[in-house]
Amino acid sequence: GSGGANLRIYFDGEKEASILIPAYDI
């Protein structure tokens, strides 16, 4: 866990991730 950390998933060379997951929690 980490309340201040965002997990990002980038597909196919995206400049900005299309998936944003807060608090380092899948």
PDB file of all heavy atoms in Angstrom:
ATOM      1  N   GLY A   1       0.798  -1.221   0.000  1.00  0.00           N
ATOM      2  CA  GLY A   1       0.000   0.000   0.000  1.00  0.00           C
ATOM      3  C   GLY A   1       0.832   1.272   0.000  1.00  0.00           C
ATOM      4  O   GLY A   1       1.970   1.297   0.454  1.00  0.00           O
ATOM      5  N   SER A   2       0.293   2.330  -0.538  1.00  0.00           N
ATOM      6  CA  SER A   2       0.930   3.647  -0.493  1.00  0.00           C
ATOM      7  C   SER A   2      -0.100   4.659  -0.945  1.00  0.00           C
ATOM      8  O   SER A   2      -0.383   4.775  -2.143  1.00  0.00           O
ATOM      9  CB  SER A   2       2.165   3.704  -1.398  1.00  0.00           C
ATOM     10  OG  SER A   2       2.724   5.003  -1.383  1.00  0.00           O
ATOM     11  N   GLY A   3      -0.672   5.369   0.007  1.00  0.00           N
ATOM     12  CA  GLY A   3      -1.733   6.310  -0.319  1.00  0.00           C
ATOM     13  C   GLY A   3      -1.330   7.349  -1.340  1.00  0.00           C
ATOM     14  O   GLY A   3      -2.163   7.845  -2.100  1.00  0.00           O
ATOM     15  N   GLY A   4      -0.040   7.691  -1.398  1.00  0.00           N
ATOM     16  CA  GLY A   4       0.400   8.743  -2.309  1.00  0.00           C
ATOM     17  C   GLY A   4       0.984   8.247  -3.603  1.00  0.00           C
ATOM     18  O   GLY A   4       1.575   9.033  -4.347  1.00  0.00           O
ATOM     19  N   ALA A   5       0.862   6.955  -3.911  1.00  0.00           N
ATOM     20  CA  ALA A   5       1.487   6.406  -5.117  1.00  0.00           C
ATOM     21  C   ALA A   5       0.421   5.937  -6.098  1.00  0.00           C
ATOM     22  O   ALA A   5      -0.515   5.225  -5.726  1.00  0.00           O
ATOM     23  CB  ALA A   5       2.402   5.236  -4.751  1.00  0.00           C
ATOM     24  N   ASN A   6       0.561   6.341  -7.345  1.00  0.00           N
ATOM     25  CA  ASN A   6      -0.341   5.897  -8.399  1.00  0.00           C
ATOM     26  C   ASN A   6       0.355   4.879  -9.293  1.00  0.00           C
ATOM     27  O   ASN A   6       1.499   5.096  -9.720  1.00  0.00           O
ATOM     28  CB  ASN A   6      -0.791   7.085  -9.252  1.00  0.00           C
ATOM     29  CG  ASN A   6      -1.624   8.073  -8.475  1.00  0.00           C
ATOM     30  OD1 ASN A   6      -2.699   7.741  -7.991  1.00  0.00           O
ATOM     31  ND2 ASN A   6      -1.127   9.303  -8.342  1.00  0.00           N
ATOM     32  N   LEU A   7      -0.330   3.792  -9.552  1.00  0.00           N
ATOM     33  CA  LEU A   7       0.151   2.772 -10.480  1.00  0.00           C
ATOM     34  C   LEU A   7      -0.432   3.099 -11.850  1.00  0.00           C
ATOM     35  O   LEU A   7      -1.630   3.393 -11.968  1.00  0.00           O
ATOM     36  CB  LEU A   7      -0.323   1.401 -10.007  1.00  0.00           C
ATOM     37  CG  LEU A   7       0.408   0.151 -10.495  1.00  0.00           C
ATOM     38  CD1 LEU A   7       1.843   0.128  -9.973  1.00  0.00           C
ATOM     39  CD2 LEU A   7      -0.337  -1.099 -10.039  1.00  0.00           C
ATOM     40  N   ARG A   8       0.407   3.099 -12.883  1.00  0.00           N
ATOM     41  CA  ARG A   8      -0.056   3.410 -14.234  1.00  0.00           C
ATOM     42  C   ARG A   8       0.281   2.274 -15.180  1.00  0.00           C
ATOM     43  O   ARG A   8       1.370   1.699 -15.101  1.00  0.00           O
ATOM     44  CB  ARG A   8       0.593   4.707 -14.743  1.00  0.00           C
ATOM     45  CG  ARG A   8       0.053   5.981 -14.106  1.00  0.00           C
ATOM     46  CD  ARG A   8       0.800   7.200 -14.640  1.00  0.00           C
ATOM     47  NE  ARG A   8       0.136   8.455 -14.285  1.00  0.00           N
ATOM     48  CZ  ARG A   8       0.297   9.081 -13.108  1.00  0.00           C
ATOM     49  NH1 ARG A   8       1.121   8.549 -12.186  1.00  0.00           N
ATOM     50  NH2 ARG A   8      -0.344  10.202 -12.859  1.00  0.00           N
ATOM     51  N   ILE A   9      -0.665   1.971 -16.090  1.00  0.00           N
ATOM     52  CA  ILE A   9      -0.443   0.963 -17.121  1.00  0.00           C
ATOM     53  C   ILE A   9      -0.542   1.647 -18.474  1.00  0.00           C
ATOM     54  O   ILE A   9      -1.577   2.225 -18.823  1.00  0.00           O
ATOM     55  CB  ILE A   9      -1.458  -0.190 -17.020  1.00  0.00           C
ATOM     56  CG1 ILE A   9      -1.407  -0.821 -15.623  1.00  0.00           C
ATOM     57  CG2 ILE A   9      -1.159  -1.244 -18.092  1.00  0.00           C
ATOM     58  CD1 ILE A   9      -2.402  -1.959 -15.420  1.00  0.00           C
ATOM     59  N   TYR A  10       0.576   1.619 -19.218  1.00  0.00           N
ATOM     60  CA  TYR A  10       0.658   2.215 -20.550  1.00  0.00           C
ATOM     61  C   TYR A  10       0.604   1.084 -21.592  1.00  0.00           C
ATOM     62  O   TYR A  10       1.368   0.126 -21.516  1.00  0.00           O
ATOM     63  CB  TYR A  10       1.994   2.939 -20.737  1.00  0.00           C
ATOM     64  CG  TYR A  10       2.274   4.117 -19.829  1.00  0.00           C
ATOM     65  CD1 TYR A  10       2.715   3.926 -18.509  1.00  0.00           C
ATOM     66  CD2 TYR A  10       2.166   5.414 -20.310  1.00  0.00           C
ATOM     67  CE1 TYR A  10       3.015   5.004 -17.700  1.00  0.00           C
ATOM     68  CE2 TYR A  10       2.474   6.510 -19.501  1.00  0.00           C
ATOM     69  CZ  TYR A  10       2.893   6.294 -18.193  1.00  0.00           C
ATOM     70  OH  TYR A  10       3.197   7.362 -17.395  1.00  0.00           O
ATOM     71  N   PHE A  11      -0.262   1.197 -22.570  1.00  0.00           N
ATOM     72  CA  PHE A  11      -0.348   0.226 -23.654  1.00  0.00           C
ATOM     73  C   PHE A  11       0.142   0.842 -24.967  1.00  0.00           C
ATOM     74  O   PHE A  11      -0.158   2.011 -25.286  1.00  0.00           O
ATOM     75  CB  PHE A  11      -1.792  -0.236 -23.848  1.00  0.00           C
ATOM     76  CG  PHE A  11      -2.343  -1.044 -22.705  1.00  0.00           C
ATOM     77  CD1 PHE A  11      -3.445  -0.600 -21.997  1.00  0.00           C
ATOM     78  CD2 PHE A  11      -1.775  -2.252 -22.345  1.00  0.00           C
ATOM     79  CE1 PHE A  11      -3.976  -1.342 -20.953  1.00  0.00           C
ATOM     80  CE2 PHE A  11      -2.285  -3.010 -21.295  1.00  0.00           C
ATOM     81  CZ  PHE A  11      -3.385  -2.548 -20.596  1.00  0.00           C
ATOM     82  N   ASP A  12       0.896   0.050 -25.731  1.00  0.00           N
ATOM     83  CA  ASP A  12       1.241   0.365 -27.116  1.00  0.00           C
ATOM     84  C   ASP A  12       1.877   1.749 -27.277  1.00  0.00           C
ATOM     85  O   ASP A  12       1.541   2.516 -28.195  1.00  0.00           O
ATOM     86  CB  ASP A  12      -0.007   0.272 -28.005  1.00  0.00           C
ATOM     87  CG  ASP A  12      -0.618  -1.122 -28.012  1.00  0.00           C
ATOM     88  OD1 ASP A  12       0.064  -2.070 -27.583  1.00  0.00           O
ATOM     89  OD2 ASP A  12      -1.784  -1.257 -28.434  1.00  0.00           O
ATOM     90  N   GLY A  13       2.794   2.107 -26.376  1.00  0.00           N
ATOM     91  CA  GLY A  13       3.544   3.350 -26.497  1.00  0.00           C
ATOM     92  C   GLY A  13       2.767   4.603 -26.155  1.00  0.00           C
ATOM     93  O   GLY A  13       3.160   5.710 -26.568  1.00  0.00           O
ATOM     94  N   GLU A  14       1.701   4.481 -25.384  1.00  0.00           N
ATOM     95  CA  GLU A  14       0.923   5.661 -24.997  1.00  0.00           C
ATOM     96  C   GLU A  14       1.806   6.721 -24.323  1.00  0.00           C
ATOM     97  O   GLU A  14       2.692   6.379 -23.525  1.00  0.00           O
ATOM     98  CB  GLU A  14      -0.175   5.265 -23.998  1.00  0.00           C
ATOM     99  CG  GLU A  14      -1.284   4.408 -24.581  1.00  0.00           C
ATOM    100  CD  GLU A  14      -2.265   3.945 -23.514  1.00  0.00           C
ATOM    101  OE1 GLU A  14      -1.821   3.631 -22.387  1.00  0.00           O
ATOM    102  OE2 GLU A  14      -3.471   3.888 -23.812  1.00  0.00           O
ATOM    103  N   LYS A  15       1.545   7.981 -24.626  1.00  0.00           N
ATOM    104  CA  LYS A  15       2.250   9.073 -23.959  1.00  0.00           C
ATOM    105  C   LYS A  15       1.726   9.254 -22.535  1.00  0.00           C
ATOM    106  O   LYS A  15       2.473   9.622 -21.620  1.00  0.00           O
ATOM    107  CB  LYS A  15       2.086  10.370 -24.748  1.00  0.00           C
ATOM    108  CG  LYS A  15       2.714  10.332 -26.131  1.00  0.00           C
ATOM    109  CD  LYS A  15       4.214  10.055 -26.063  1.00  0.00           C
ATOM    110  CE  LYS A  15       4.832  10.071 -27.445  1.00  0.00           C
ATOM    111  NZ  LYS A  15       6.296   9.729 -27.397  1.00  0.00           N
ATOM    112  N   GLU A  16       0.443   9.025 -22.344  1.00  0.00           N
ATOM    113  CA  GLU A  16      -0.153   9.040 -21.012  1.00  0.00           C
ATOM    114  C   GLU A  16      -0.888   7.720 -20.814  1.00  0.00           C
ATOM    115  O   GLU A  16      -1.534   7.212 -21.735  1.00  0.00           O
ATOM    116  CB  GLU A  16      -1.115  10.216 -20.837  1.00  0.00           C
ATOM    117  CG  GLU A  16      -1.674  10.364 -19.429  1.00  0.00           C
ATOM    118  CD  GLU A  16      -0.578  10.478 -18.365  1.00  0.00           C
ATOM    119  OE1 GLU A  16      -0.044  11.583 -18.164  1.00  0.00           O
ATOM    120  OE2 GLU A  16      -0.247   9.438 -17.735  1.00  0.00           O
ATOM    121  N   ALA A  17      -0.755   7.168 -19.617  1.00  0.00           N
ATOM    122  CA  ALA A  17      -1.332   5.853 -19.342  1.00  0.00           C
ATOM    123  C   ALA A  17      -2.858   5.893 -19.412  1.00  0.00           C
ATOM    124  O   ALA A  17      -3.490   6.808 -18.888  1.00  0.00           O
ATOM    125  CB  ALA A  17      -0.894   5.368 -17.968  1.00  0.00           C
ATOM    126  N   SER A  18      -3.428   4.865 -20.027  1.00  0.00           N
ATOM    127  CA  SER A  18      -4.881   4.774 -20.096  1.00  0.00           C
ATOM    128  C   SER A  18      -5.484   4.153 -18.842  1.00  0.00           C
ATOM    129  O   SER A  18      -6.689   4.242 -18.617  1.00  0.00           O
ATOM    130  CB  SER A  18      -5.306   3.965 -21.327  1.00  0.00           C
ATOM    131  OG  SER A  18      -4.703   2.682 -21.316  1.00  0.00           O
ATOM    132  N   ILE A  19      -4.632   3.533 -18.004  1.00  0.00           N
ATOM    133  CA  ILE A  19      -5.103   2.931 -16.755  1.00  0.00           C
ATOM    134  C   ILE A  19      -4.369   3.594 -15.595  1.00  0.00           C
ATOM    135  O   ILE A  19      -3.135   3.565 -15.528  1.00  0.00           O
ATOM    136  CB  ILE A  19      -4.847   1.413 -16.710  1.00  0.00           C
ATOM    137  CG1 ILE A  19      -5.404   0.723 -17.953  1.00  0.00           C
ATOM    138  CG2 ILE A  19      -5.426   0.820 -15.436  1.00  0.00           C
ATOM    139  CD1 ILE A  19      -6.896   0.753 -18.072  1.00  0.00           C
ATOM    140  N   LEU A  20      -5.120   4.201 -14.663  1.00  0.00           N
ATOM    141  CA  LEU A  20      -4.552   4.825 -13.468  1.00  0.00           C
ATOM    142  C   LEU A  20      -5.165   4.161 -12.243  1.00  0.00           C
ATOM    143  O   LEU A  20      -6.392   4.105 -12.103  1.00  0.00           O
ATOM    144  CB  LEU A  20      -4.860   6.322 -13.453  1.00  0.00           C
ATOM    145  CG  LEU A  20      -4.394   7.098 -12.216  1.00  0.00           C
ATOM    146  CD1 LEU A  20      -2.866   7.143 -12.161  1.00  0.00           C
ATOM    147  CD2 LEU A  20      -4.968   8.507 -12.214  1.00  0.00           C
ATOM    148  N   ILE A  21      -4.306   3.644 -11.350  1.00  0.00           N
ATOM    149  CA  ILE A  21      -4.759   2.915 -10.164  1.00  0.00           C
ATOM    150  C   ILE A  21      -4.184   3.608  -8.935  1.00  0.00           C
ATOM    151  O   ILE A  21      -2.956   3.681  -8.769  1.00  0.00           O
ATOM    152  CB  ILE A  21      -4.293   1.446 -10.217  1.00  0.00           C
ATOM    153  CG1 ILE A  21      -4.838   0.781 -11.495  1.00  0.00           C
ATOM    154  CG2 ILE A  21      -4.738   0.689  -8.982  1.00  0.00           C
ATOM    155  CD1 ILE A  21      -4.052  -0.414 -11.943  1.00  0.00           C
ATOM    156  N   PRO A  22      -5.013   4.144  -8.053  1.00  0.00           N
ATOM    157  CA  PRO A  22      -4.510   4.895  -6.894  1.00  0.00           C
ATOM    158  C   PRO A  22      -4.011   3.989  -5.770  1.00  0.00           C
ATOM    159  O   PRO A  22      -4.317   2.800  -5.699  1.00  0.00           O
ATOM    160  CB  PRO A  22      -5.742   5.679  -6.442  1.00  0.00           C
ATOM    161  CG  PRO A  22      -6.901   4.823  -6.847  1.00  0.00           C
ATOM    162  CD  PRO A  22      -6.489   4.149  -8.131  1.00  0.00           C
ATOM    163  N   ALA A  23      -3.219   4.596  -4.885  1.00  0.00           N
ATOM    164  CA  ALA A  23      -2.805   3.989  -3.605  1.00  0.00           C
ATOM    165  C   ALA A  23      -2.001   2.710  -3.770  1.00  0.00           C
ATOM    166  O   ALA A  23      -1.936   1.894  -2.852  1.00  0.00           O
ATOM    167  CB  ALA A  23      -4.027   3.720  -2.721  1.00  0.00           C
ATOM    168  N   TYR A  24      -1.343   2.557  -4.931  1.00  0.00           N
ATOM    169  CA  TYR A  24      -0.561   1.340  -5.197  1.00  0.00           C
ATOM    170  C   TYR A  24      -1.336   0.091  -4.767  1.00  0.00           C
ATOM    171  O   TYR A  24      -0.862  -0.737  -3.999  1.00  0.00           O
ATOM    172  CB  TYR A  24       0.803   1.390  -4.503  1.00  0.00           C
ATOM    173  CG  TYR A  24       1.717   0.283  -4.987  1.00  0.00           C
ATOM    174  CD1 TYR A  24       2.237   0.320  -6.270  1.00  0.00           C
ATOM    175  CD2 TYR A  24       2.024  -0.805  -4.186  1.00  0.00           C
ATOM    176  CE1 TYR A  24       3.036  -0.705  -6.736  1.00  0.00           C
ATOM    177  CE2 TYR A  24       2.838  -1.831  -4.640  1.00  0.00           C
ATOM    178  CZ  TYR A  24       3.334  -1.778  -5.924  1.00  0.00           C
ATOM    179  OH  TYR A  24       4.123  -2.793  -6.392  1.00  0.00           O
ATOM    180  N   ASP A  25      -2.556  -0.050  -5.254  1.00  0.00           N
ATOM    181  CA  ASP A  25      -3.452  -1.129  -4.830  1.00  0.00           C
ATOM    182  C   ASP A  25      -4.215  -1.619  -6.050  1.00  0.00           C
ATOM    183  O   ASP A  25      -5.159  -0.975  -6.502  1.00  0.00           O
ATOM    184  CB  ASP A  25      -4.409  -0.606  -3.757  1.00  0.00           C
ATOM    185  CG  ASP A  25      -5.332  -1.677  -3.202  1.00  0.00           C
ATOM    186  OD1 ASP A  25      -5.358  -2.793  -3.764  1.00  0.00           O
ATOM    187  OD2 ASP A  25      -6.025  -1.396  -2.214  1.00  0.00           O
ATOM    188  N   ILE A  26      -3.806  -2.766  -6.610  1.00  0.00           N
ATOM    189  CA  ILE A  26      -4.398  -3.266  -7.843  1.00  0.00           C
ATOM    190  C   ILE A  26      -5.882  -3.569  -7.679  1.00  0.00           C
ATOM    191  O   ILE A  26      -6.630  -3.601  -8.668  1.00  0.00           O
ATOM    192  CB  ILE A  26      -3.629  -4.511  -8.348  1.00  0.00           C
ATOM    193  CG1 ILE A  26      -4.024  -4.863  -9.800  1.00  0.00           C
ATOM    194  CG2 ILE A  26      -3.842  -5.692  -7.427  1.00  0.00           C
ATOM    195  CD1 ILE A  26      -3.687  -3.816 -10.809  1.00  0.00           C
TER     196      ILE A  26
END
